[in-house]
PDB file of N, CA and C in Angstrom:
ATOM      1  N   MET A   1       2.814  14.620  -8.236  1.00  0.00           N
ATOM      2  CA  MET A   1       2.264  13.365  -7.850  1.00  0.00           C
ATOM      3  C   MET A   1       3.083  12.228  -8.462  1.00  0.00           C
ATOM      4  N   THR A   2       3.158  11.249  -7.685  1.00  0.00           N
ATOM      5  CA  THR A   2       3.866   9.999  -8.125  1.00  0.00           C
ATOM      6  C   THR A   2       2.998   9.282  -9.153  1.00  0.00           C
ATOM      7  N   THR A   3       3.527   8.690 -10.083  1.00  0.00           N
ATOM      8  CA  THR A   3       2.809   7.893 -11.139  1.00  0.00           C
ATOM      9  C   THR A   3       2.246   6.612 -10.543  1.00  0.00           C
ATOM     10  N   PRO A   4       1.187   6.111 -11.142  1.00  0.00           N
ATOM     11  CA  PRO A   4       0.619   4.822 -10.509  1.00  0.00           C
ATOM     12  C   PRO A   4       1.658   3.746 -10.643  1.00  0.00           C
ATOM     13  N   LYS A   5       2.496   3.669 -11.682  1.00  0.00           N
ATOM     14  CA  LYS A   5       3.516   2.586 -11.822  1.00  0.00           C
ATOM     15  C   LYS A   5       4.511   2.732 -10.647  1.00  0.00           C
ATOM     16  N   GLU A   6       4.827   3.995 -10.332  1.00  0.00           N
ATOM     17  CA  GLU A   6       5.840   4.128  -9.117  1.00  0.00           C
ATOM     18  C   GLU A   6       5.199   3.711  -7.866  1.00  0.00           C
ATOM     19  N   VAL A   7       3.936   4.055  -7.687  1.00  0.00           N
ATOM     20  CA  VAL A   7       3.235   3.696  -6.468  1.00  0.00           C
ATOM     21  C   VAL A   7       3.152   2.197  -6.386  1.00  0.00           C
ATOM     22  N   PHE A   8       2.803   1.502  -7.435  1.00  0.00           N
ATOM     23  CA  PHE A   8       2.749   0.133  -7.500  1.00  0.00           C
ATOM     24  C   PHE A   8       4.088  -0.517  -7.057  1.00  0.00           C
ATOM     25  N   GLU A   9       5.249   0.028  -7.553  1.00  0.00           N
ATOM     26  CA  GLU A   9       6.540  -0.479  -7.311  1.00  0.00           C
ATOM     27  C   GLU A   9       6.920  -0.166  -5.838  1.00  0.00           C
ATOM     28  N   HIS A  10       6.444   0.928  -5.298  1.00  0.00           N
ATOM     29  CA  HIS A  10       6.783   1.327  -3.968  1.00  0.00           C
ATOM     30  C   HIS A  10       6.111   0.287  -2.988  1.00  0.00           C
ATOM     31  N   LEU A  11       4.894  -0.148  -3.296  1.00  0.00           N
ATOM     32  CA  LEU A  11       4.168  -1.145  -2.469  1.00  0.00           C
ATOM     33  C   LEU A  11       5.080  -2.452  -2.396  1.00  0.00           C
ATOM     34  N   LYS A  12       5.811  -2.794  -3.331  1.00  0.00           N
ATOM     35  CA  LYS A  12       6.655  -3.968  -3.360  1.00  0.00           C
ATOM     36  C   LYS A  12       7.692  -3.855  -2.240  1.00  0.00           C
ATOM     37  N   GLN A  13       8.137  -2.588  -1.935  1.00  0.00           N
ATOM     38  CA  GLN A  13       9.217  -2.374  -1.043  1.00  0.00           C
ATOM     39  C   GLN A  13       8.806  -2.069   0.367  1.00  0.00           C
ATOM     40  N   LEU A  14       7.539  -2.298   0.786  1.00  0.00           N
ATOM     41  CA  LEU A  14       7.067  -1.939   2.124  1.00  0.00           C
ATOM     42  C   LEU A  14       7.908  -2.700   3.158  1.00  0.00           C
ATOM     43  N   GLU A  15       8.244  -3.922   2.955  1.00  0.00           N
ATOM     44  CA  GLU A  15       8.983  -4.720   3.981  1.00  0.00           C
ATOM     45  C   GLU A  15      10.439  -4.301   4.023  1.00  0.00           C
ATOM     46  N   GLU A  16      10.929  -3.534   3.100  1.00  0.00           N
ATOM     47  CA  GLU A  16      12.353  -3.210   2.966  1.00  0.00           C
ATOM     48  C   GLU A  16      12.616  -1.832   3.614  1.00  0.00           C
ATOM     49  N   VAL A  17      11.596  -0.950   3.774  1.00  0.00           N
ATOM     50  CA  VAL A  17      11.874   0.328   4.276  1.00  0.00           C
ATOM     51  C   VAL A  17      11.404   0.604   5.656  1.00  0.00           C
ATOM     52  N   ASP A  18      11.813   1.742   6.194  1.00  0.00           N
ATOM     53  CA  ASP A  18      11.454   1.893   7.611  1.00  0.00           C
ATOM     54  C   ASP A  18       9.927   2.214   7.746  1.00  0.00           C
ATOM     55  N   THR A  19       9.444   2.373   8.931  1.00  0.00           N
ATOM     56  CA  THR A  19       8.121   2.583   9.202  1.00  0.00           C
ATOM     57  C   THR A  19       7.484   3.829   8.731  1.00  0.00           C
ATOM     58  N   VAL A  20       8.261   4.952   8.684  1.00  0.00           N
ATOM     59  CA  VAL A  20       7.833   6.323   8.229  1.00  0.00           C
ATOM     60  C   VAL A  20       7.727   6.095   6.660  1.00  0.00           C
ATOM     61  N   GLN A  21       8.686   5.570   6.060  1.00  0.00           N
ATOM     62  CA  GLN A  21       8.638   5.392   4.523  1.00  0.00           C
ATOM     63  C   GLN A  21       7.575   4.487   4.122  1.00  0.00           C
ATOM     64  N   SER A  22       7.284   3.478   4.833  1.00  0.00           N
ATOM     65  CA  SER A  22       6.177   2.652   4.583  1.00  0.00           C
ATOM     66  C   SER A  22       4.833   3.389   4.657  1.00  0.00           C
ATOM     67  N   ALA A  23       4.684   4.140   5.705  1.00  0.00           N
ATOM     68  CA  ALA A  23       3.420   4.916   5.856  1.00  0.00           C
ATOM     69  C   ALA A  23       3.256   5.887   4.695  1.00  0.00           C
ATOM     70  N   LYS A  24       4.328   6.475   4.210  1.00  0.00           N
ATOM     71  CA  LYS A  24       4.286   7.440   3.054  1.00  0.00           C
ATOM     72  C   LYS A  24       3.893   6.682   1.797  1.00  0.00           C
ATOM     73  N   TYR A  25       4.401   5.449   1.633  1.00  0.00           N
ATOM     74  CA  TYR A  25       4.077   4.643   0.455  1.00  0.00           C
ATOM     75  C   TYR A  25       2.508   4.257   0.445  1.00  0.00           C
ATOM     76  N   ARG A  26       2.123   3.890   1.683  1.00  0.00           N
ATOM     77  CA  ARG A  26       0.707   3.550   1.766  1.00  0.00           C
ATOM     78  C   ARG A  26      -0.202   4.732   1.565  1.00  0.00           C
ATOM     79  N   GLU A  27       0.232   5.926   2.018  1.00  0.00           N
ATOM     80  CA  GLU A  27      -0.567   7.132   1.785  1.00  0.00           C
ATOM     81  C   GLU A  27      -0.533   7.474   0.287  1.00  0.00           C
ATOM     82  N   GLU A  28       0.549   7.277  -0.457  1.00  0.00           N
ATOM     83  CA  GLU A  28       0.524   7.467  -1.935  1.00  0.00           C
ATOM     84  C   GLU A  28      -0.500   6.550  -2.597  1.00  0.00           C
ATOM     85  N   ALA A  29      -0.516   5.300  -2.117  1.00  0.00           N
ATOM     86  CA  ALA A  29      -1.463   4.429  -2.641  1.00  0.00           C
ATOM     87  C   ALA A  29      -2.938   4.801  -2.487  1.00  0.00           C
ATOM     88  N   GLN A  30      -3.250   5.332  -1.315  1.00  0.00           N
ATOM     89  CA  GLN A  30      -4.582   5.752  -0.918  1.00  0.00           C
ATOM     90  C   GLN A  30      -4.957   7.050  -1.894  1.00  0.00           C
ATOM     91  N   GLU A  31      -3.942   7.862  -2.151  1.00  0.00           N
ATOM     92  CA  GLU A  31      -4.247   9.053  -3.013  1.00  0.00           C
ATOM     93  C   GLU A  31      -4.558   8.487  -4.488  1.00  0.00           C
ATOM     94  N   VAL A  32      -3.829   7.542  -4.944  1.00  0.00           N
ATOM     95  CA  VAL A  32      -4.077   6.937  -6.206  1.00  0.00           C
ATOM     96  C   VAL A  32      -5.438   6.344  -6.310  1.00  0.00           C
ATOM     97  N   LEU A  33      -5.773   5.662  -5.231  1.00  0.00           N
ATOM     98  CA  LEU A  33      -7.122   5.008  -5.231  1.00  0.00           C
ATOM     99  C   LEU A  33      -8.235   5.921  -5.205  1.00  0.00           C
ATOM    100  N   ALA A  34      -8.049   7.073  -4.609  1.00  0.00           N
ATOM    101  CA  ALA A  34      -9.099   8.093  -4.569  1.00  0.00           C
ATOM    102  C   ALA A  34      -9.167   8.934  -5.795  1.00  0.00           C
ATOM    103  N   ASP A  35      -8.262   8.813  -6.727  1.00  0.00           N
ATOM    104  CA  ASP A  35      -8.163   9.617  -7.850  1.00  0.00           C
ATOM    105  C   ASP A  35      -8.895   8.951  -9.128  1.00  0.00           C
ATOM    106  N   ASP A  36     -10.053   9.358  -9.398  1.00  0.00           N
ATOM    107  CA  ASP A  36     -10.791   8.703 -10.530  1.00  0.00           C
ATOM    108  C   ASP A  36     -10.205   9.042 -11.876  1.00  0.00           C
ATOM    109  N   THR A  37      -9.263   9.886 -12.011  1.00  0.00           N
ATOM    110  CA  THR A  37      -8.707  10.093 -13.283  1.00  0.00           C
ATOM    111  C   THR A  37      -7.661   9.033 -13.677  1.00  0.00           C
ATOM    112  N   ILE A  38      -7.346   8.215 -12.654  1.00  0.00           N
ATOM    113  CA  ILE A  38      -6.341   7.116 -12.902  1.00  0.00           C
ATOM    114  C   ILE A  38      -7.116   5.945 -13.412  1.00  0.00           C
ATOM    115  N   SER A  39      -6.638   5.172 -14.295  1.00  0.00           N
ATOM    116  CA  SER A  39      -7.380   4.078 -14.878  1.00  0.00           C
ATOM    117  C   SER A  39      -7.769   3.015 -13.783  1.00  0.00           C
ATOM    118  N   LEU A  40      -8.900   2.510 -14.026  1.00  0.00           N
ATOM    119  CA  LEU A  40      -9.398   1.409 -13.233  1.00  0.00           C
ATOM    120  C   LEU A  40      -8.446   0.216 -13.041  1.00  0.00           C
ATOM    121  N   LYS A  41      -7.767  -0.087 -14.148  1.00  0.00           N
ATOM    122  CA  LYS A  41      -6.745  -1.152 -14.141  1.00  0.00           C
ATOM    123  C   LYS A  41      -5.609  -0.861 -13.103  1.00  0.00           C
ATOM    124  N   TRP A  42      -5.134   0.346 -13.135  1.00  0.00           N
ATOM    125  CA  TRP A  42      -4.078   0.659 -12.108  1.00  0.00           C
ATOM    126  C   TRP A  42      -4.596   0.705 -10.751  1.00  0.00           C
ATOM    127  N   ARG A  43      -5.812   1.403 -10.513  1.00  0.00           N
ATOM    128  CA  ARG A  43      -6.357   1.401  -9.254  1.00  0.00           C
ATOM    129  C   ARG A  43      -6.547   0.037  -8.631  1.00  0.00           C
ATOM    130  N   ARG A  44      -7.090  -0.943  -9.459  1.00  0.00           N
ATOM    131  CA  ARG A  44      -7.335  -2.263  -8.992  1.00  0.00           C
ATOM    132  C   ARG A  44      -6.008  -2.947  -8.610  1.00  0.00           C
ATOM    133  N   ALA A  45      -4.935  -2.818  -9.436  1.00  0.00           N
ATOM    134  CA  ALA A  45      -3.675  -3.451  -9.203  1.00  0.00           C
ATOM    135  C   ALA A  45      -3.082  -2.866  -7.924  1.00  0.00           C
ATOM    136  N   ILE A  46      -3.143  -1.597  -7.721  1.00  0.00           N
ATOM    137  CA  ILE A  46      -2.630  -0.962  -6.470  1.00  0.00           C
ATOM    138  C   ILE A  46      -3.483  -1.394  -5.198  1.00  0.00           C
ATOM    139  N   ALA A  47      -4.747  -1.451  -5.433  1.00  0.00           N
ATOM    140  CA  ALA A  47      -5.649  -1.850  -4.259  1.00  0.00           C
ATOM    141  C   ALA A  47      -5.329  -3.279  -3.908  1.00  0.00           C
ATOM    142  N   ASP A  48      -5.197  -4.151  -4.910  1.00  0.00           N
ATOM    143  CA  ASP A  48      -4.776  -5.588  -4.603  1.00  0.00           C
ATOM    144  C   ASP A  48      -3.488  -5.651  -3.813  1.00  0.00           C
ATOM    145  N   ARG A  49      -2.514  -4.998  -4.293  1.00  0.00           N
ATOM    146  CA  ARG A  49      -1.213  -5.098  -3.662  1.00  0.00           C
ATOM    147  C   ARG A  49      -1.220  -4.424  -2.246  1.00  0.00           C
ATOM    148  N   LEU A  50      -1.940  -3.227  -2.049  1.00  0.00           N
ATOM    149  CA  LEU A  50      -2.045  -2.723  -0.810  1.00  0.00           C
ATOM    150  C   LEU A  50      -2.776  -3.540   0.127  1.00  0.00           C
ATOM    151  N   ASN A  51      -3.754  -4.164  -0.300  1.00  0.00           N
ATOM    152  CA  ASN A  51      -4.608  -5.160   0.529  1.00  0.00           C
ATOM    153  C   ASN A  51      -3.762  -6.323   0.948  1.00  0.00           C
ATOM    154  N   ARG A  52      -2.952  -6.867   0.155  1.00  0.00           N
ATOM    155  CA  ARG A  52      -2.089  -8.005   0.454  1.00  0.00           C
ATOM    156  C   ARG A  52      -1.066  -7.487   1.473  1.00  0.00           C
ATOM    157  N   ALA A  53      -0.473  -6.282   1.184  1.00  0.00           N
ATOM    158  CA  ALA A  53       0.522  -5.712   2.184  1.00  0.00           C
ATOM    159  C   ALA A  53      -0.085  -5.452   3.535  1.00  0.00           C
ATOM    160  N   ASN A  54      -1.274  -4.969   3.596  1.00  0.00           N
ATOM    161  CA  ASN A  54      -1.881  -4.704   4.848  1.00  0.00           C
ATOM    162  C   ASN A  54      -2.208  -6.002   5.672  1.00  0.00           C
ATOM    163  N   HIS A  55      -2.635  -7.006   4.871  1.00  0.00           N
ATOM    164  CA  HIS A  55      -2.895  -8.368   5.490  1.00  0.00           C
ATOM    165  C   HIS A  55      -1.587  -8.959   6.047  1.00  0.00           C
ATOM    166  N   ASP A  56      -0.504  -8.820   5.249  1.00  0.00           N
ATOM    167  CA  ASP A  56       0.781  -9.346   5.759  1.00  0.00           C
ATOM    168  C   ASP A  56       1.194  -8.606   7.035  1.00  0.00           C
ATOM    169  N   LEU A  57       1.006  -7.306   7.063  1.00  0.00           N
ATOM    170  CA  LEU A  57       1.368  -6.434   8.195  1.00  0.00           C
ATOM    171  C   LEU A  57       0.599  -6.921   9.469  1.00  0.00           C
ATOM    172  N   GLY A  58      -0.618  -7.203   9.183  1.00  0.00           N
ATOM    173  CA  GLY A  58      -1.455  -7.697  10.279  1.00  0.00           C
ATOM    174  C   GLY A  58      -0.993  -9.060  10.869  1.00  0.00           C
ATOM    175  N   LEU A  59      -0.514  -9.890   9.961  1.00  0.00           N
ATOM    176  CA  LEU A  59      -0.028 -11.203  10.270  1.00  0.00           C
ATOM    177  C   LEU A  59       1.294 -11.166  11.102  1.00  0.00           C
ATOM    178  N   HIS A  60       2.094 -10.190  10.729  1.00  0.00           N
ATOM    179  CA  HIS A  60       3.457 -10.069  11.293  1.00  0.00           C
ATOM    180  C   HIS A  60       3.632  -9.197  12.532  1.00  0.00           C
ATOM    181  N   THR A  61       2.608  -8.335  12.753  1.00  0.00           N
ATOM    182  CA  THR A  61       2.708  -7.379  13.786  1.00  0.00           C
ATOM    183  C   THR A  61       1.727  -7.526  14.942  1.00  0.00           C
ATOM    184  N   VAL A  62       0.587  -8.252  14.734  1.00  0.00           N
ATOM    185  CA  VAL A  62      -0.371  -8.308  15.649  1.00  0.00           C
ATOM    186  C   VAL A  62      -0.301  -9.679  16.392  1.00  0.00           C
ATOM    187  N   THR A  63      -0.313  -9.586  17.630  1.00  0.00           N
ATOM    188  CA  THR A  63      -0.271 -10.829  18.448  1.00  0.00           C
ATOM    189  C   THR A  63      -1.789 -11.241  18.842  1.00  0.00           C
ATOM    190  N   THR A  64      -1.884 -12.272  19.491  1.00  0.00           N
ATOM    191  CA  THR A  64      -3.273 -12.726  19.862  1.00  0.00           C
ATOM    192  C   THR A  64      -4.010 -11.778  20.754  1.00  0.00           C
ATOM    193  N   ASP A  65      -3.196 -11.057  21.563  1.00  0.00           N
ATOM    194  CA  ASP A  65      -3.844 -10.056  22.501  1.00  0.00           C
ATOM    195  C   ASP A  65      -4.103  -8.744  21.885  1.00  0.00           C
ATOM    196  N   GLU A  66      -3.794  -8.453  20.614  1.00  0.00           N
ATOM    197  CA  GLU A  66      -3.902  -7.162  20.083  1.00  0.00           C
ATOM    198  C   GLU A  66      -4.957  -7.316  18.928  1.00  0.00           C
ATOM    199  N   SER A  67      -5.332  -6.070  18.483  1.00  0.00           N
ATOM    200  CA  SER A  67      -6.244  -6.012  17.307  1.00  0.00           C
ATOM    201  C   SER A  67      -5.516  -5.228  16.262  1.00  0.00           C
ATOM    202  N   TYR A  68      -5.977  -5.252  15.119  1.00  0.00           N
ATOM    203  CA  TYR A  68      -5.312  -4.527  14.024  1.00  0.00           C
ATOM    204  C   TYR A  68      -6.268  -3.499  13.502  1.00  0.00           C
TER     205      TYR A  68
END
């Protein structure tokens, strides 16, 4: 499993990687969020970064005729 620090860093790169790699990074983040053995501090930081990335994705890829 990837460390929480690595997952956190991967989420910084979502805009720089292709769609498949971006999906893998998001999946990594979801796995960390579901793992209660990982500290709450890391899970909150990852959740915040993932939430911002998802919000940005919605702003950049959804037009007025689409839903996210």
